[in-house]
Amino acid sequence: MSLPRSSRLTPARGPAIRRERPARRQPQLLSRTESGLRLLPRLAVLWLAVLAGLIAALCLGAQDYPLPVLWHALMAFEPKDPAQGIIIGMRLPRVLAALVIGAALAVAGVVMQAMARNPLADPGLTGVNAGAALAVVMGLFWIGALPQMAIAGLALAGAALAALLVRHLAGSGDNTLRLPLAGAALSSLFMALVALIVLTQPEARNAYRFWMVGSLAMAQLSALAVLAPIAGLGILLAALVARQIEALMLGAEMGSALGLNVGRVMGLGLASVALCAGASVAIAGPVGFVGLIAPHLARRVLPHSSLTQQVALACPVGAGLAIIADLAGRWLARPSELQLGLVLAMLGAPVFMALIRRLIREGA
């Protein structure tokens, strides 16, 4: 005897269970007063850490000196004293150079990542490093051996020319992706020309090889007196245009709707990156990873910070990173030294891979 279909026993089905991903935490909106109260203590701590790094970098090296010797050298310099001559004549220029290029490259990295809307972007996307390298190689090829100030001048001129060409190729439209694409294309062209000259001219190759690694061994106070104000101007411009660039991070259409001139804002952002990166390349050659890592560290120091706050935090973070890397290269390899670019590459490569893994996990 068969039962009707309606009376057959069927297993009861419970409600379907949906597995939902946990909602991401929304950024906490703070007033300007609250945000400033969070920023100032962190800035004070960071700059105190930079000061401690400066003192350590002046005291430590192939020969270590106690604090009284450093104090006497700074307060009452005696040129005939060998220890004071090393501290003031050799260590002070390179430590100040590390401070300048670290702060400048970090700010350039903050602006570049915001304009490209890519957390893995760095100042090299503007073509500034490649333009400076091409100018230096051409000078070494056509003129021969050059003094440090001449190399710095060529690097700064090449960086400025590269920035102008990138700006021209990117145009004045509202597409924010044109700038990094134009910079990447121009960098490839410039580096191909650099490789062509270096491979065919042994004289230029030897001089260029030392400069290309990125070193502070030839840092001079006379060059810093000219290039540090240029880097400072780039940092100031970045701070002034940061709020407008932050509005463009929502999209070019949104920026235009808010009344922004997208082309003008992108041009000012590129100018700030070119000034910061150009001065840094002129001081020490192409130094990598500072402009990539320092912005992420600055955002870790103050989560949910505005772009203006990131610019302020990036200065001590980048300066401290460059000073520590230079000190490590001099102290760990003494009596010789490791160039700043090599130390930063060894420190920065693992951090870069960790950033990529974190971004992949967040996007999964």
Protein backbone atom coordinates (compact mmCIF):
# COMPACT_ATOMS: atom_id res chain seq x y z
CA MET A 1 0.00 0.00 0.00
CA SER A 2 1.53 3.29 -1.06
CA LEU A 3 1.02 6.54 0.81
CA PRO A 4 0.10 9.72 -0.96
CA ARG A 5 2.98 12.03 -1.77
CA SER A 6 1.75 14.62 0.70
CA SER A 7 1.93 12.14 3.60
CA ARG A 8 5.39 10.76 2.86
CA LEU A 9 7.98 11.45 5.53
CA THR A 10 10.70 13.74 4.25
CA PRO A 11 13.58 15.10 6.23
CA ALA A 12 12.94 18.60 7.40
CA ARG A 13 15.20 21.19 5.85
CA GLY A 14 16.41 23.94 8.09
CA PRO A 15 17.11 27.43 6.93
CA ALA A 16 20.16 27.79 4.69
CA ILE A 17 23.21 28.97 6.53
CA ARG A 18 25.13 31.66 4.72
CA ARG A 19 28.69 32.29 5.59
CA GLU A 20 29.38 35.94 5.36
CA ARG A 21 32.73 37.60 5.60
CA PRO A 22 33.18 39.77 8.63
CA ALA A 23 32.51 43.38 7.81
CA ARG A 24 35.57 45.55 7.52
CA ARG A 25 36.05 48.12 10.18
CA GLN A 26 35.07 51.54 8.98
CA PRO A 27 37.57 54.34 9.43
CA GLN A 28 36.90 56.39 12.53
CA LEU A 29 36.10 59.98 11.65
CA LEU A 30 37.75 62.49 13.95
CA SER A 31 37.52 66.23 14.25
CA ARG A 32 40.54 68.38 13.42
CA THR A 33 41.19 69.01 17.11
CA GLU A 34 41.09 65.31 18.01
CA SER A 35 43.21 64.44 14.98
CA GLY A 36 45.79 67.07 15.91
CA LEU A 37 45.94 65.82 19.49
CA ARG A 38 46.72 62.34 18.16
CA LEU A 39 49.30 63.60 15.67
CA LEU A 40 51.49 65.92 17.77
CA PRO A 41 52.67 63.39 20.40
CA ARG A 42 53.59 60.91 17.69
CA LEU A 43 55.51 63.55 15.77
CA ALA A 44 57.41 64.52 18.92
CA VAL A 45 58.39 60.92 19.64
CA LEU A 46 59.48 60.32 16.05
CA TRP A 47 61.66 63.44 15.90
CA LEU A 48 63.25 62.55 19.24
CA ALA A 49 64.06 59.13 17.77
CA VAL A 50 65.60 60.85 14.72
CA LEU A 51 67.71 63.03 17.05
CA ALA A 52 68.93 59.92 18.86
CA GLY A 53 69.79 58.36 15.51
CA LEU A 54 71.74 61.49 14.51
CA ILE A 55 73.80 61.36 17.69
CA ALA A 56 74.49 57.64 17.26
CA ALA A 57 75.47 58.11 13.61
CA LEU A 58 77.95 60.86 14.56
CA CYS A 59 79.51 58.82 17.38
CA LEU A 60 79.63 55.35 15.80
CA GLY A 61 81.52 54.17 12.74
CA ALA A 62 84.90 52.71 11.85
CA GLN A 63 86.11 54.48 15.01
CA ASP A 64 83.70 55.06 17.90
CA TYR A 65 83.82 58.33 19.85
CA PRO A 66 82.22 59.12 23.23
CA LEU A 67 79.59 61.82 23.67
CA PRO A 68 81.99 64.40 25.22
CA VAL A 69 84.11 64.34 22.06
CA LEU A 70 81.01 64.90 19.93
CA TRP A 71 79.84 67.74 22.16
CA HIS A 72 83.24 69.45 22.03
CA ALA A 73 83.38 69.07 18.24
CA LEU A 74 79.97 70.69 17.82
CA MET A 75 80.47 73.49 20.36
CA ALA A 76 84.17 74.32 19.92
CA PHE A 77 85.46 72.76 16.72
CA GLU A 78 89.24 72.39 16.47
CA PRO A 79 90.34 71.52 12.91
CA LYS A 80 93.67 70.08 14.10
CA ASP A 81 91.94 67.44 16.24
CA PRO A 82 91.68 64.23 14.13
CA ALA A 83 88.57 62.99 15.94
CA GLN A 84 86.75 66.28 15.51
CA GLY A 85 87.85 66.43 11.88
CA ILE A 86 86.25 63.04 11.22
CA ILE A 87 83.04 63.96 13.04
CA ILE A 88 82.55 67.37 11.44
CA GLY A 89 84.28 66.88 8.11
CA MET A 90 83.11 63.37 7.19
CA ARG A 91 80.22 62.17 9.34
CA LEU A 92 78.18 65.34 9.74
CA PRO A 93 77.68 65.93 5.96
CA ARG A 94 76.55 62.36 5.31
CA VAL A 95 74.25 62.25 8.35
CA LEU A 96 72.58 65.51 7.33
CA ALA A 97 72.35 64.20 3.76
CA ALA A 98 70.64 61.05 5.03
CA LEU A 99 68.15 63.17 6.96
CA VAL A 100 67.32 65.30 3.91
CA ILE A 101 66.98 62.51 1.36
CA GLY A 102 65.08 60.25 3.77
CA ALA A 103 62.48 62.91 4.54
CA ALA A 104 62.21 64.03 0.91
CA LEU A 105 61.85 60.54 -0.56
CA ALA A 106 59.30 59.54 2.08
CA VAL A 107 57.11 62.56 1.27
CA ALA A 108 57.51 61.90 -2.46
CA GLY A 109 56.38 58.33 -1.84
CA VAL A 110 53.26 59.46 0.05
CA VAL A 111 52.26 61.80 -2.78
CA MET A 112 53.05 59.28 -5.51
CA GLN A 113 51.04 56.48 -3.90
CA ALA A 114 48.09 58.83 -3.48
CA MET A 115 48.20 60.11 -7.06
CA ALA A 116 48.64 56.64 -8.56
CA ARG A 117 46.11 55.16 -6.10
CA ASN A 118 48.56 52.29 -5.71
CA PRO A 119 50.14 51.40 -2.34
CA LEU A 120 53.14 49.90 -4.15
CA ALA A 121 53.99 53.03 -6.15
CA ASP A 122 57.22 54.92 -5.50
CA PRO A 123 58.80 58.17 -6.77
CA GLY A 124 60.55 56.27 -9.56
CA LEU A 125 57.24 56.13 -11.44
CA THR A 126 57.66 59.80 -12.31
CA GLY A 127 60.76 59.03 -14.39
CA VAL A 128 62.86 61.31 -12.17
CA ASN A 129 65.45 58.66 -11.24
CA ALA A 130 65.87 57.50 -14.82
CA GLY A 131 66.14 61.09 -16.10
CA ALA A 132 68.82 61.91 -13.54
CA ALA A 133 70.74 58.73 -14.40
CA LEU A 134 70.67 59.52 -18.11
CA ALA A 135 71.91 63.08 -17.53
CA VAL A 136 74.79 61.88 -15.34
CA VAL A 137 75.84 59.18 -17.80
CA MET A 138 75.76 61.60 -20.73
CA GLY A 139 77.88 64.07 -18.76
CA LEU A 140 80.41 61.37 -17.90
CA PHE A 141 80.45 60.23 -21.53
CA TRP A 142 80.89 63.65 -23.15
CA ILE A 143 82.98 65.43 -20.49
CA GLY A 144 84.69 62.69 -18.50
CA ALA A 145 85.48 62.81 -14.78
CA LEU A 146 83.31 65.37 -12.99
CA PRO A 147 83.37 66.90 -9.50
CA GLN A 148 80.57 66.07 -7.09
CA MET A 149 78.78 69.41 -7.53
CA ALA A 150 78.75 68.97 -11.32
CA ILE A 151 77.27 65.47 -11.00
CA ALA A 152 74.63 66.83 -8.61
CA GLY A 153 73.76 69.60 -11.05
CA LEU A 154 73.43 67.16 -13.95
CA ALA A 155 71.25 64.85 -11.88
CA LEU A 156 68.94 67.68 -10.83
CA ALA A 157 68.66 68.97 -14.40
CA GLY A 158 67.90 65.49 -15.73
CA ALA A 159 65.28 64.93 -13.05
CA ALA A 160 63.58 68.24 -13.85
CA LEU A 161 63.58 67.51 -17.59
CA ALA A 162 62.12 64.04 -17.01
CA ALA A 163 59.35 65.50 -14.84
CA LEU A 164 58.47 68.04 -17.54
CA LEU A 165 58.37 65.34 -20.22
CA VAL A 166 56.17 63.11 -18.08
CA ARG A 167 53.83 66.02 -17.45
CA HIS A 168 53.66 66.73 -21.19
CA LEU A 169 52.98 63.09 -22.06
CA ALA A 170 50.34 62.75 -19.35
CA GLY A 171 48.46 65.76 -20.69
CA SER A 172 45.99 67.87 -18.78
CA GLY A 173 43.00 65.53 -18.84
CA ASP A 174 41.08 64.13 -15.91
CA ASN A 175 42.53 60.61 -16.17
CA THR A 176 44.79 60.14 -13.14
CA LEU A 177 46.29 56.93 -14.58
CA ARG A 178 48.10 58.78 -17.36
CA LEU A 179 50.80 60.11 -15.06
CA PRO A 180 52.23 56.79 -13.76
CA LEU A 181 51.89 55.20 -17.20
CA ALA A 182 53.78 58.06 -18.86
CA GLY A 183 56.44 57.92 -16.15
CA ALA A 184 56.91 54.16 -16.52
CA ALA A 185 57.22 54.42 -20.30
CA LEU A 186 59.72 57.27 -20.12
CA SER A 187 61.75 55.49 -17.43
CA SER A 188 62.07 52.42 -19.65
CA LEU A 189 63.31 54.57 -22.54
CA PHE A 190 65.82 56.46 -20.40
CA MET A 191 67.21 53.33 -18.76
CA ALA A 192 67.62 51.69 -22.17
CA LEU A 193 69.70 54.69 -23.29
CA VAL A 194 71.71 54.50 -20.05
CA ALA A 195 72.43 50.81 -20.65
CA LEU A 196 73.50 51.55 -24.23
CA ILE A 197 76.00 54.21 -23.15
CA VAL A 198 77.34 52.25 -20.18
CA LEU A 199 77.86 49.05 -22.16
CA THR A 200 79.72 50.78 -24.97
CA GLN A 201 81.82 53.23 -22.91
CA PRO A 202 83.99 51.65 -20.16
CA GLU A 203 85.08 55.06 -18.81
CA ALA A 204 81.52 56.14 -18.14
CA ARG A 205 80.68 52.70 -16.77
CA ASN A 206 83.20 52.82 -13.91
CA ALA A 207 82.17 56.28 -12.70
CA TYR A 208 78.46 55.60 -13.14
CA ARG A 209 78.55 52.27 -11.31
CA PHE A 210 79.53 53.89 -7.99
CA TRP A 211 76.94 56.66 -8.33
CA MET A 212 74.13 54.32 -9.36
CA VAL A 213 74.33 52.23 -6.18
CA GLY A 214 73.34 55.20 -4.04
CA SER A 215 75.99 56.34 -1.57
CA LEU A 216 76.56 59.16 0.92
CA ALA A 217 80.34 58.81 0.93
CA MET A 218 80.76 61.91 -1.27
CA ALA A 219 78.19 64.08 0.52
CA GLN A 220 79.31 67.70 0.92
CA LEU A 221 77.91 70.54 3.01
CA SER A 222 78.27 72.90 0.04
CA ALA A 223 76.02 70.69 -2.09
CA LEU A 224 73.54 70.27 0.78
CA ALA A 225 73.30 74.03 1.17
CA VAL A 226 71.96 74.20 -2.39
CA LEU A 227 69.91 71.00 -2.60
CA ALA A 228 68.33 70.88 0.87
CA PRO A 229 66.18 74.00 0.21
CA ILE A 230 64.97 72.40 -3.04
CA ALA A 231 63.90 69.29 -1.14
CA GLY A 232 62.29 71.49 1.52
CA LEU A 233 60.33 73.33 -1.16
CA GLY A 234 59.06 70.00 -2.48
CA ILE A 235 57.96 68.92 1.01
CA LEU A 236 56.17 72.24 1.57
CA LEU A 237 54.40 71.98 -1.79
CA ALA A 238 53.32 68.42 -0.96
CA ALA A 239 51.84 69.58 2.35
CA LEU A 240 49.94 72.41 0.65
CA VAL A 241 48.44 70.26 -2.11
CA ALA A 242 47.83 67.12 0.00
CA ARG A 243 44.14 67.82 0.71
CA GLN A 244 43.39 68.31 -2.99
CA ILE A 245 45.24 65.13 -3.94
CA GLU A 246 43.30 63.28 -1.25
CA ALA A 247 40.06 64.40 -2.91
CA LEU A 248 41.30 62.94 -6.21
CA MET A 249 41.75 59.56 -4.53
CA LEU A 250 37.95 59.24 -4.77
CA GLY A 251 38.26 59.46 -8.55
CA ALA A 252 38.82 62.16 -11.13
CA GLU A 253 35.08 62.55 -11.73
CA MET A 254 34.44 63.11 -8.02
CA GLY A 255 37.29 65.60 -7.88
CA SER A 256 35.88 67.53 -10.82
CA ALA A 257 32.45 67.50 -9.17
CA LEU A 258 34.03 69.05 -6.07
CA GLY A 259 35.37 71.89 -8.22
CA LEU A 260 38.99 70.77 -8.46
CA ASN A 261 41.11 71.34 -11.54
CA VAL A 262 42.37 67.77 -11.87
CA GLY A 263 45.17 68.60 -14.30
CA ARG A 264 46.46 71.43 -12.11
CA VAL A 265 46.38 69.29 -8.95
CA MET A 266 48.22 66.44 -10.68
CA GLY A 267 50.79 68.90 -12.01
CA LEU A 268 51.44 70.34 -8.55
CA GLY A 269 51.72 66.84 -7.11
CA LEU A 270 54.20 65.86 -9.80
CA ALA A 271 56.19 69.04 -9.13
CA SER A 272 56.46 68.19 -5.43
CA VAL A 273 57.62 64.65 -6.23
CA ALA A 274 60.12 65.93 -8.79
CA LEU A 275 61.61 68.48 -6.37
CA CYS A 276 61.93 65.94 -3.54
CA ALA A 277 63.20 63.02 -5.62
CA GLY A 278 65.36 65.20 -7.88
CA ALA A 279 67.20 66.77 -4.95
CA SER A 280 67.65 63.36 -3.33
CA VAL A 281 69.07 61.80 -6.48
CA ALA A 282 71.41 64.76 -6.89
CA ILE A 283 72.73 64.27 -3.33
CA ALA A 284 73.22 60.50 -3.18
CA GLY A 285 72.19 58.91 -6.47
CA PRO A 286 69.11 56.73 -6.96
CA VAL A 287 68.20 55.46 -3.47
CA GLY A 288 65.35 52.97 -3.46
CA PHE A 289 62.78 51.61 -1.01
CA VAL A 290 62.56 54.72 1.22
CA GLY A 291 59.76 56.18 -0.88
CA LEU A 292 58.01 52.80 -0.89
CA ILE A 293 58.31 51.72 2.75
CA ALA A 294 58.16 55.00 4.69
CA PRO A 295 54.56 55.88 3.68
CA HIS A 296 53.33 52.52 4.98
CA LEU A 297 55.21 52.99 8.25
CA ALA A 298 53.76 56.48 8.60
CA ARG A 299 50.24 55.12 8.17
CA ARG A 300 50.99 52.49 10.81
CA VAL A 301 52.03 55.17 13.28
CA LEU A 302 48.67 56.97 12.91
CA PRO A 303 45.94 54.77 11.38
CA HIS A 304 43.09 56.45 9.49
CA SER A 305 45.20 59.58 9.04
CA SER A 306 44.65 62.20 6.38
CA LEU A 307 47.15 62.70 3.57
CA THR A 308 48.39 65.93 5.17
CA GLN A 309 49.13 64.03 8.37
CA GLN A 310 50.87 61.29 6.41
CA VAL A 311 53.14 63.91 4.84
CA ALA A 312 54.02 65.25 8.30
CA LEU A 313 54.68 61.77 9.70
CA ALA A 314 56.63 60.59 6.66
CA CYS A 315 59.37 63.19 7.21
CA PRO A 316 60.75 61.77 10.49
CA VAL A 317 60.00 58.19 9.46
CA GLY A 318 61.96 58.50 6.21
CA ALA A 319 64.77 60.49 7.83
CA GLY A 320 65.17 57.93 10.60
CA LEU A 321 65.10 55.05 8.13
CA ALA A 322 67.88 56.57 6.00
CA ILE A 323 70.02 57.49 9.02
CA ILE A 324 69.74 54.00 10.53
CA ALA A 325 70.52 52.36 7.17
CA ASP A 326 73.61 54.52 6.67
CA LEU A 327 74.78 53.85 10.23
CA ALA A 328 74.27 50.11 9.77
CA GLY A 329 76.27 50.16 6.54
CA ARG A 330 79.19 51.94 8.21
CA TRP A 331 79.18 50.17 11.56
CA LEU A 332 78.48 46.57 10.60
CA ALA A 333 81.00 46.48 7.74
CA ARG A 334 83.77 48.48 9.43
CA PRO A 335 86.48 49.39 8.69
CA SER A 336 84.89 49.37 5.22
CA GLU A 337 81.25 50.30 4.54
CA LEU A 338 78.17 49.23 2.63
CA GLN A 339 76.53 51.82 0.40
CA LEU A 340 73.21 53.23 1.53
CA GLY A 341 71.40 51.84 -1.51
CA LEU A 342 72.60 48.29 -0.77
CA VAL A 343 71.54 48.42 2.89
CA LEU A 344 68.12 49.82 2.03
CA ALA A 345 67.67 47.13 -0.62
CA MET A 346 68.47 44.39 1.91
CA LEU A 347 66.11 45.91 4.46
CA GLY A 348 63.42 46.91 2.01
CA ALA A 349 63.06 43.77 -0.09
CA PRO A 350 61.58 41.62 2.74
CA VAL A 351 59.27 44.47 3.76
CA PHE A 352 58.17 44.89 0.15
CA MET A 353 57.32 41.19 -0.14
CA ALA A 354 55.41 41.35 3.15
CA LEU A 355 53.40 44.29 1.82
CA ILE A 356 52.52 42.36 -1.32
CA ARG A 357 51.36 39.36 0.74
CA ARG A 358 49.24 41.58 2.98
CA LEU A 359 47.62 43.28 -0.01
CA ILE A 360 46.88 39.88 -1.58
CA ARG A 361 45.24 38.67 1.64
CA GLU A 362 43.15 41.82 1.93
CA GLY A 363 42.03 41.53 -1.68
CA ALA A 364 41.20 37.80 -1.42
